[in-house]
Amino acid sequence: MNVINKIPGPLLIFMGALSLSFGGLIVKKFEGSTEWQILFWRSLFFTLTVLAFLIITYKKKTLSSFYKSGLPGFFGGIVLSFGFCGYVYAMSNTSVANTNFIISLQILFLAIFGYLFLKEKISTITLVSIILAITGVTLMVGNDLRPGNLSGNLAAFTMPITFAVLIMIVRKFPTVDMIPAQFVAGVSSCLIGLSVCIYYSHNLMVSPNDIFLGFLAGFFQVGFGFIFITIGARSTPSAMVGVIMLSESVLGPFWAFLFAGERASLFTLIGGAIILFAVLLQFSSLLLSDKKEKIIN
C-alpha cells in the first residue's frame, strides 16, 4: 500500500479514470447475462476488493472504521449503490458514449445541489454551463427515443446525481472516511442484483466468461478505479481531479469503438462535445474563484 501512496496524486487520478473508462467495454462483452446478473457479479467482486483494501489499510481497526463513518457513510454508500445500478443498466441499454458523456455532468449537478442544499450562489458562467449541458443532452437523448435506449439514457443520470449527493455528504461531514461507504455501496448493489434475479427467476450462475468479466469489472475497473481516485484525491486539487476525470468520458467511447465496434452517432458526438465544453467552462469558473479566494486571504 505504501507503493501506491508514493505515486503522485494526479497520476493516481488518471490511473483511476483509466480503469473506470473500461466499464462500458466490459459490460458490452458479457455473453447472455442480464443487467442484474452483471450487477451482482460486478458488485460481488468490487465488495471483496474494497474489503481486502480495508483490511490491509486498517488491519485490526477495520470494524471501527465502519463505526466512525457512522450514518453519513452508511447513507452515502446506499446512495452510491443506486449509481452502480444505473451505470450497469445504462451501459446495457444505450451507447457507451451517451453514458460517459452524461456521467461527466456530475460537476454541474454539484453546482445545482450546492445551490439547493448549501445555499451556494450560481455564477453566470455556471448558469451558461448548465444551459449548454442541457442542450448537449437534449441533442443526444432526443436523437434516439427508442424505449430501450431512452431508459438507458435516463438511467445514466443516476451516476452524476448520486455522485453529487455523495459529495454533498462529504462536504457536510468532511471528517467522514468514505472508503467504508464504498463497501456499503458494493454490498447494497450486490443485494439489489440478487433480489431482482430472484424476482425474475434468473439463475445467478452465468458462463465462466461472464464470471471472469464480472471479476475484471469489480476488481480492476471499479475496485482499482475507486481506490486510486480516493487516494489520489487526498493530494490533488479538486478542480484538477475533475479535469483529469474527464479522460474517462473520452476514453470510454474510444475503447468501445476500438474493441467492440460501437460507433457513436453524429448527434452523440456533437452533444458530447457541447457537454464537455460546458464542464470545462465550469472548471474554469471554479479555478478563477479559487484564485480570487487565495488573493483575498
Protein backbone atom coordinates (compact mmCIF):
# COMPACT_ATOMS: atom_id res chain seq x y z
CA MET A 1 0.00 0.00 0.00
CA ASN A 2 2.99 2.30 0.65
CA VAL A 3 3.90 1.93 -3.03
CA ILE A 4 0.52 3.38 -4.07
CA ASN A 5 0.87 6.27 -1.61
CA LYS A 6 4.21 7.23 -3.21
CA ILE A 7 2.61 7.72 -6.65
CA PRO A 8 1.80 11.42 -7.38
CA GLY A 9 -1.87 12.29 -6.79
CA PRO A 10 -2.67 13.48 -10.35
CA LEU A 11 -1.16 10.29 -11.80
CA LEU A 12 -3.31 8.18 -9.43
CA ILE A 13 -6.41 10.10 -10.52
CA PHE A 14 -5.59 9.38 -14.16
CA MET A 15 -4.97 5.71 -13.38
CA GLY A 16 -8.36 5.62 -11.67
CA ALA A 17 -10.09 7.32 -14.60
CA LEU A 18 -8.31 4.93 -16.99
CA SER A 19 -9.59 1.94 -15.02
CA LEU A 20 -13.15 3.27 -14.92
CA SER A 21 -13.11 4.03 -18.65
CA PHE A 22 -13.14 0.29 -19.45
CA GLY A 23 -16.55 -0.16 -17.78
CA GLY A 24 -18.65 0.19 -20.90
CA LEU A 25 -16.44 -2.13 -22.94
CA ILE A 26 -16.56 -4.83 -20.25
CA VAL A 27 -20.36 -4.64 -19.95
CA LYS A 28 -20.73 -4.89 -23.74
CA LYS A 29 -18.59 -8.05 -23.77
CA PHE A 30 -20.88 -10.06 -21.46
CA GLU A 31 -22.48 -13.02 -23.27
CA GLY A 32 -26.13 -13.61 -22.42
CA SER A 33 -26.12 -12.24 -18.87
CA THR A 34 -28.89 -9.83 -17.88
CA GLU A 35 -28.18 -6.40 -16.42
CA TRP A 36 -28.96 -7.72 -12.94
CA GLN A 37 -26.69 -10.75 -13.25
CA ILE A 38 -23.91 -8.41 -14.39
CA LEU A 39 -24.66 -6.09 -11.46
CA PHE A 40 -24.49 -8.98 -8.97
CA TRP A 41 -21.13 -10.36 -10.12
CA ARG A 42 -19.59 -6.93 -10.67
CA SER A 43 -20.71 -5.77 -7.21
CA LEU A 44 -19.63 -9.02 -5.53
CA PHE A 45 -16.04 -8.74 -6.76
CA PHE A 46 -16.00 -4.99 -6.07
CA THR A 47 -17.13 -5.62 -2.47
CA LEU A 48 -14.40 -8.22 -1.95
CA THR A 49 -11.79 -5.84 -3.40
CA VAL A 50 -12.81 -2.96 -1.11
CA LEU A 51 -12.93 -5.32 1.89
CA ALA A 52 -9.38 -6.51 1.14
CA PHE A 53 -8.25 -2.88 0.84
CA LEU A 54 -9.89 -2.01 4.18
CA ILE A 55 -8.26 -4.96 5.96
CA ILE A 56 -4.83 -4.18 4.51
CA THR A 57 -5.18 -0.47 5.36
CA TYR A 58 -6.90 -0.55 8.76
CA LYS A 59 -5.93 -4.07 9.95
CA LYS A 60 -7.48 -4.56 13.41
CA LYS A 61 -9.33 -1.23 13.13
CA THR A 62 -11.38 -2.34 10.10
CA LEU A 63 -14.64 -2.72 12.05
CA SER A 64 -14.12 0.56 13.91
CA SER A 65 -13.70 2.35 10.57
CA PHE A 66 -17.32 1.49 9.76
CA TYR A 67 -18.44 2.76 13.17
CA LYS A 68 -16.53 6.04 12.68
CA SER A 69 -18.09 6.62 9.26
CA GLY A 70 -21.48 6.48 11.00
CA LEU A 71 -24.80 7.30 9.37
CA PRO A 72 -23.27 9.70 6.79
CA GLY A 73 -21.02 6.92 5.50
CA PHE A 74 -23.84 4.38 5.52
CA PHE A 75 -26.26 6.70 3.72
CA GLY A 76 -23.53 7.72 1.25
CA GLY A 77 -22.93 4.05 0.44
CA ILE A 78 -26.63 3.39 -0.14
CA VAL A 79 -26.84 6.41 -2.46
CA LEU A 80 -23.73 5.30 -4.38
CA SER A 81 -25.22 1.82 -4.85
CA PHE A 82 -28.09 3.30 -6.88
CA GLY A 83 -25.46 4.89 -9.12
CA PHE A 84 -23.82 1.48 -9.61
CA CYS A 85 -27.20 0.00 -10.60
CA GLY A 86 -27.91 2.84 -13.02
CA TYR A 87 -24.45 2.53 -14.58
CA VAL A 88 -24.83 -1.17 -15.44
CA TYR A 89 -28.36 -0.68 -16.73
CA ALA A 90 -27.31 2.32 -18.85
CA MET A 91 -24.30 0.55 -20.36
CA SER A 92 -26.56 -2.39 -21.25
CA ASN A 93 -29.30 -0.29 -22.85
CA THR A 94 -27.64 2.66 -24.54
CA SER A 95 -24.29 3.54 -26.06
CA VAL A 96 -21.07 3.83 -24.07
CA ALA A 97 -20.62 7.35 -25.46
CA ASN A 98 -24.03 8.52 -24.26
CA THR A 99 -23.45 7.05 -20.80
CA ASN A 100 -19.97 8.54 -20.39
CA PHE A 101 -20.96 11.99 -21.60
CA ILE A 102 -23.96 12.05 -19.25
CA ILE A 103 -21.74 10.94 -16.34
CA SER A 104 -19.47 13.94 -16.99
CA LEU A 105 -22.39 16.19 -15.94
CA GLN A 106 -21.58 15.48 -12.29
CA ILE A 107 -19.86 18.81 -11.70
CA LEU A 108 -22.94 20.68 -12.92
CA PHE A 109 -25.16 18.68 -10.58
CA LEU A 110 -22.72 19.63 -7.83
CA ALA A 111 -23.34 23.30 -8.60
CA ILE A 112 -27.12 22.81 -8.65
CA PHE A 113 -27.21 20.78 -5.42
CA GLY A 114 -24.81 23.24 -3.78
CA TYR A 115 -27.30 26.00 -4.56
CA LEU A 116 -30.30 23.99 -3.35
CA PHE A 117 -28.86 22.46 -0.17
CA LEU A 118 -25.82 24.54 0.80
CA LYS A 119 -27.15 27.93 -0.38
CA GLU A 120 -24.12 28.45 -2.64
CA LYS A 121 -24.57 31.04 -5.35
CA ILE A 122 -24.65 30.03 -9.03
CA SER A 123 -22.43 32.29 -11.11
CA THR A 124 -23.23 33.48 -14.62
CA ILE A 125 -20.62 31.09 -16.03
CA THR A 126 -22.19 28.19 -14.15
CA LEU A 127 -25.63 29.11 -15.45
CA VAL A 128 -24.31 29.22 -19.02
CA SER A 129 -22.61 25.84 -18.45
CA ILE A 130 -25.88 24.31 -17.25
CA ILE A 131 -27.77 25.63 -20.29
CA LEU A 132 -25.07 24.30 -22.63
CA ALA A 133 -25.12 20.92 -20.89
CA ILE A 134 -28.91 20.68 -21.20
CA THR A 135 -28.56 21.48 -24.90
CA GLY A 136 -25.96 18.73 -25.36
CA VAL A 137 -28.04 16.15 -23.50
CA THR A 138 -31.14 17.11 -25.50
CA LEU A 139 -29.24 16.52 -28.74
CA MET A 140 -28.03 13.09 -27.62
CA VAL A 141 -31.18 11.81 -25.95
CA GLY A 142 -33.68 13.46 -28.30
CA ASN A 143 -31.99 11.89 -31.30
CA ASP A 144 -32.69 8.38 -30.02
CA LEU A 145 -36.11 7.98 -28.42
CA ARG A 146 -36.44 4.22 -28.79
CA PRO A 147 -37.83 2.84 -25.49
CA GLY A 148 -34.76 0.73 -24.65
CA ASN A 149 -32.21 3.40 -25.41
CA LEU A 150 -34.27 6.13 -23.75
CA SER A 151 -34.45 4.15 -20.50
CA GLY A 152 -30.68 3.60 -20.70
CA ASN A 153 -30.05 7.31 -21.20
CA LEU A 154 -32.28 8.18 -18.25
CA ALA A 155 -30.60 5.54 -16.07
CA ALA A 156 -27.21 7.09 -16.85
CA PHE A 157 -28.28 10.20 -14.94
CA THR A 158 -28.20 8.24 -11.68
CA MET A 159 -24.38 8.28 -11.74
CA PRO A 160 -23.77 12.07 -11.79
CA ILE A 161 -26.73 12.66 -9.45
CA THR A 162 -25.66 10.09 -6.84
CA PHE A 163 -22.04 11.27 -7.10
CA ALA A 164 -23.16 14.85 -6.46
CA VAL A 165 -25.23 13.71 -3.46
CA LEU A 166 -22.20 11.81 -2.16
CA ILE A 167 -20.04 14.93 -2.42
CA MET A 168 -22.73 16.93 -0.61
CA ILE A 169 -22.49 14.41 2.23
CA VAL A 170 -18.68 14.67 2.25
CA ARG A 171 -18.86 18.47 2.36
CA LYS A 172 -21.43 18.39 5.14
CA PHE A 173 -19.36 15.84 7.11
CA PRO A 174 -15.74 16.45 5.95
CA THR A 175 -14.17 14.17 8.59
CA VAL A 176 -16.06 11.07 7.44
CA ASP A 177 -13.93 8.37 5.78
CA MET A 178 -15.83 7.36 2.64
CA ILE A 179 -13.92 4.14 1.90
CA PRO A 180 -16.22 2.11 4.21
CA ALA A 181 -19.10 3.74 2.30
CA GLN A 182 -17.79 2.11 -0.88
CA PHE A 183 -18.06 -1.29 0.83
CA VAL A 184 -21.66 -0.47 1.81
CA ALA A 185 -22.35 0.54 -1.82
CA GLY A 186 -20.94 -2.76 -3.08
CA VAL A 187 -22.98 -4.87 -0.66
CA SER A 188 -26.16 -2.87 -1.39
CA SER A 189 -25.88 -3.10 -5.18
CA CYS A 190 -25.00 -6.79 -4.88
CA LEU A 191 -28.18 -7.39 -2.87
CA ILE A 192 -30.22 -5.38 -5.39
CA GLY A 193 -28.89 -7.52 -8.24
CA LEU A 194 -29.57 -10.69 -6.24
CA SER A 195 -33.12 -9.60 -5.34
CA VAL A 196 -34.07 -8.76 -8.93
CA CYS A 197 -32.58 -12.02 -10.23
CA ILE A 198 -34.63 -13.98 -7.67
CA TYR A 199 -37.77 -12.00 -8.53
CA TYR A 200 -37.42 -12.74 -12.25
CA SER A 201 -36.18 -16.31 -11.59
CA HIS A 202 -32.82 -15.62 -13.24
CA ASN A 203 -30.07 -18.09 -12.44
CA LEU A 204 -27.12 -16.37 -10.76
CA MET A 205 -24.74 -18.86 -12.33
CA VAL A 206 -23.58 -17.48 -15.66
CA SER A 207 -20.92 -18.63 -18.10
CA PRO A 208 -17.24 -18.77 -16.98
CA ASN A 209 -16.56 -15.98 -19.50
CA ASP A 210 -19.11 -13.71 -17.81
CA ILE A 211 -17.88 -14.55 -14.30
CA PHE A 212 -14.36 -13.58 -15.44
CA LEU A 213 -15.72 -10.32 -16.88
CA GLY A 214 -17.52 -9.72 -13.57
CA PHE A 215 -14.18 -10.17 -11.83
CA LEU A 216 -12.48 -7.73 -14.22
CA ALA A 217 -15.25 -5.18 -13.70
CA GLY A 218 -15.39 -5.49 -9.91
CA PHE A 219 -11.70 -5.92 -9.14
CA PHE A 220 -9.88 -3.94 -11.82
CA GLN A 221 -12.35 -1.49 -13.37
CA VAL A 222 -14.38 -0.29 -10.35
CA GLY A 223 -12.25 -1.57 -7.46
CA PHE A 224 -8.91 -0.18 -8.52
CA GLY A 225 -10.61 2.84 -10.13
CA PHE A 226 -12.23 4.00 -6.90
CA ILE A 227 -9.21 3.15 -4.73
CA PHE A 228 -6.80 5.09 -6.97
CA ILE A 229 -9.14 8.08 -7.08
CA THR A 230 -9.80 8.02 -3.32
CA ILE A 231 -6.07 8.04 -2.51
CA GLY A 232 -5.09 10.45 -5.31
CA ALA A 233 -7.76 12.99 -4.38
CA ARG A 234 -6.13 13.49 -0.97
CA SER A 235 -3.19 15.34 -2.53
CA THR A 236 -4.75 16.71 -5.74
CA PRO A 237 -6.71 19.99 -6.03
CA SER A 238 -10.42 19.30 -6.61
CA ALA A 239 -10.51 21.26 -9.87
CA MET A 240 -7.61 19.23 -11.23
CA VAL A 241 -9.34 16.00 -10.17
CA GLY A 242 -12.39 16.98 -12.22
CA VAL A 243 -10.37 17.86 -15.31
CA ILE A 244 -8.39 14.59 -15.18
CA MET A 245 -11.62 12.62 -14.64
CA LEU A 246 -12.87 13.92 -18.00
CA SER A 247 -10.45 11.45 -19.59
CA GLU A 248 -12.93 8.70 -18.61
CA SER A 249 -15.61 10.31 -20.79
CA VAL A 250 -13.22 10.48 -23.74
CA LEU A 251 -11.52 7.08 -23.36
CA GLY A 252 -14.72 5.09 -22.66
CA PRO A 253 -16.28 5.61 -26.13
CA PHE A 254 -12.83 5.13 -27.70
CA TRP A 255 -12.39 1.63 -26.15
CA ALA A 256 -15.96 0.72 -27.18
CA PHE A 257 -15.23 1.79 -30.77
CA LEU A 258 -11.82 0.13 -30.90
CA PHE A 259 -12.68 -3.24 -29.32
CA ALA A 260 -16.48 -3.56 -29.61
CA GLY A 261 -17.11 -1.78 -32.92
CA GLU A 262 -19.60 0.63 -31.32
CA ARG A 263 -19.87 3.81 -33.38
CA ALA A 264 -21.25 6.97 -31.81
CA SER A 265 -23.80 8.87 -33.90
CA LEU A 266 -23.08 12.38 -35.16
CA PHE A 267 -25.64 13.83 -32.72
CA THR A 268 -23.97 11.97 -29.85
CA LEU A 269 -20.56 13.37 -30.76
CA ILE A 270 -21.90 16.92 -31.15
CA GLY A 271 -23.92 16.69 -27.93
CA GLY A 272 -20.98 15.14 -26.09
CA ALA A 273 -18.63 17.89 -27.31
CA ILE A 274 -21.08 20.53 -26.04
CA ILE A 275 -21.28 18.77 -22.65
CA LEU A 276 -17.50 18.53 -22.33
CA PHE A 277 -17.19 22.22 -23.24
CA ALA A 278 -19.81 23.08 -20.60
CA VAL A 279 -17.95 21.05 -17.98
CA LEU A 280 -14.60 22.65 -18.85
CA LEU A 281 -16.27 26.07 -18.67
CA GLN A 282 -17.49 25.23 -15.18
CA PHE A 283 -14.00 24.09 -14.18
CA SER A 284 -12.53 27.39 -15.40
CA SER A 285 -15.07 29.17 -13.22
CA LEU A 286 -14.01 27.12 -10.20
CA LEU A 287 -10.33 27.81 -10.85
CA LEU A 288 -10.98 31.56 -11.11
CA SER A 289 -12.96 31.59 -7.86
CA ASP A 290 -10.21 29.61 -6.08
CA LYS A 291 -7.57 32.11 -7.25
CA LYS A 292 -9.69 35.04 -6.04
CA GLU A 293 -10.10 33.44 -2.61
CA LYS A 294 -6.33 32.88 -2.31
CA ILE A 295 -5.65 36.51 -3.28
CA ILE A 296 -8.19 37.78 -0.72
CA ASN A 297 -6.78 35.53 2.02
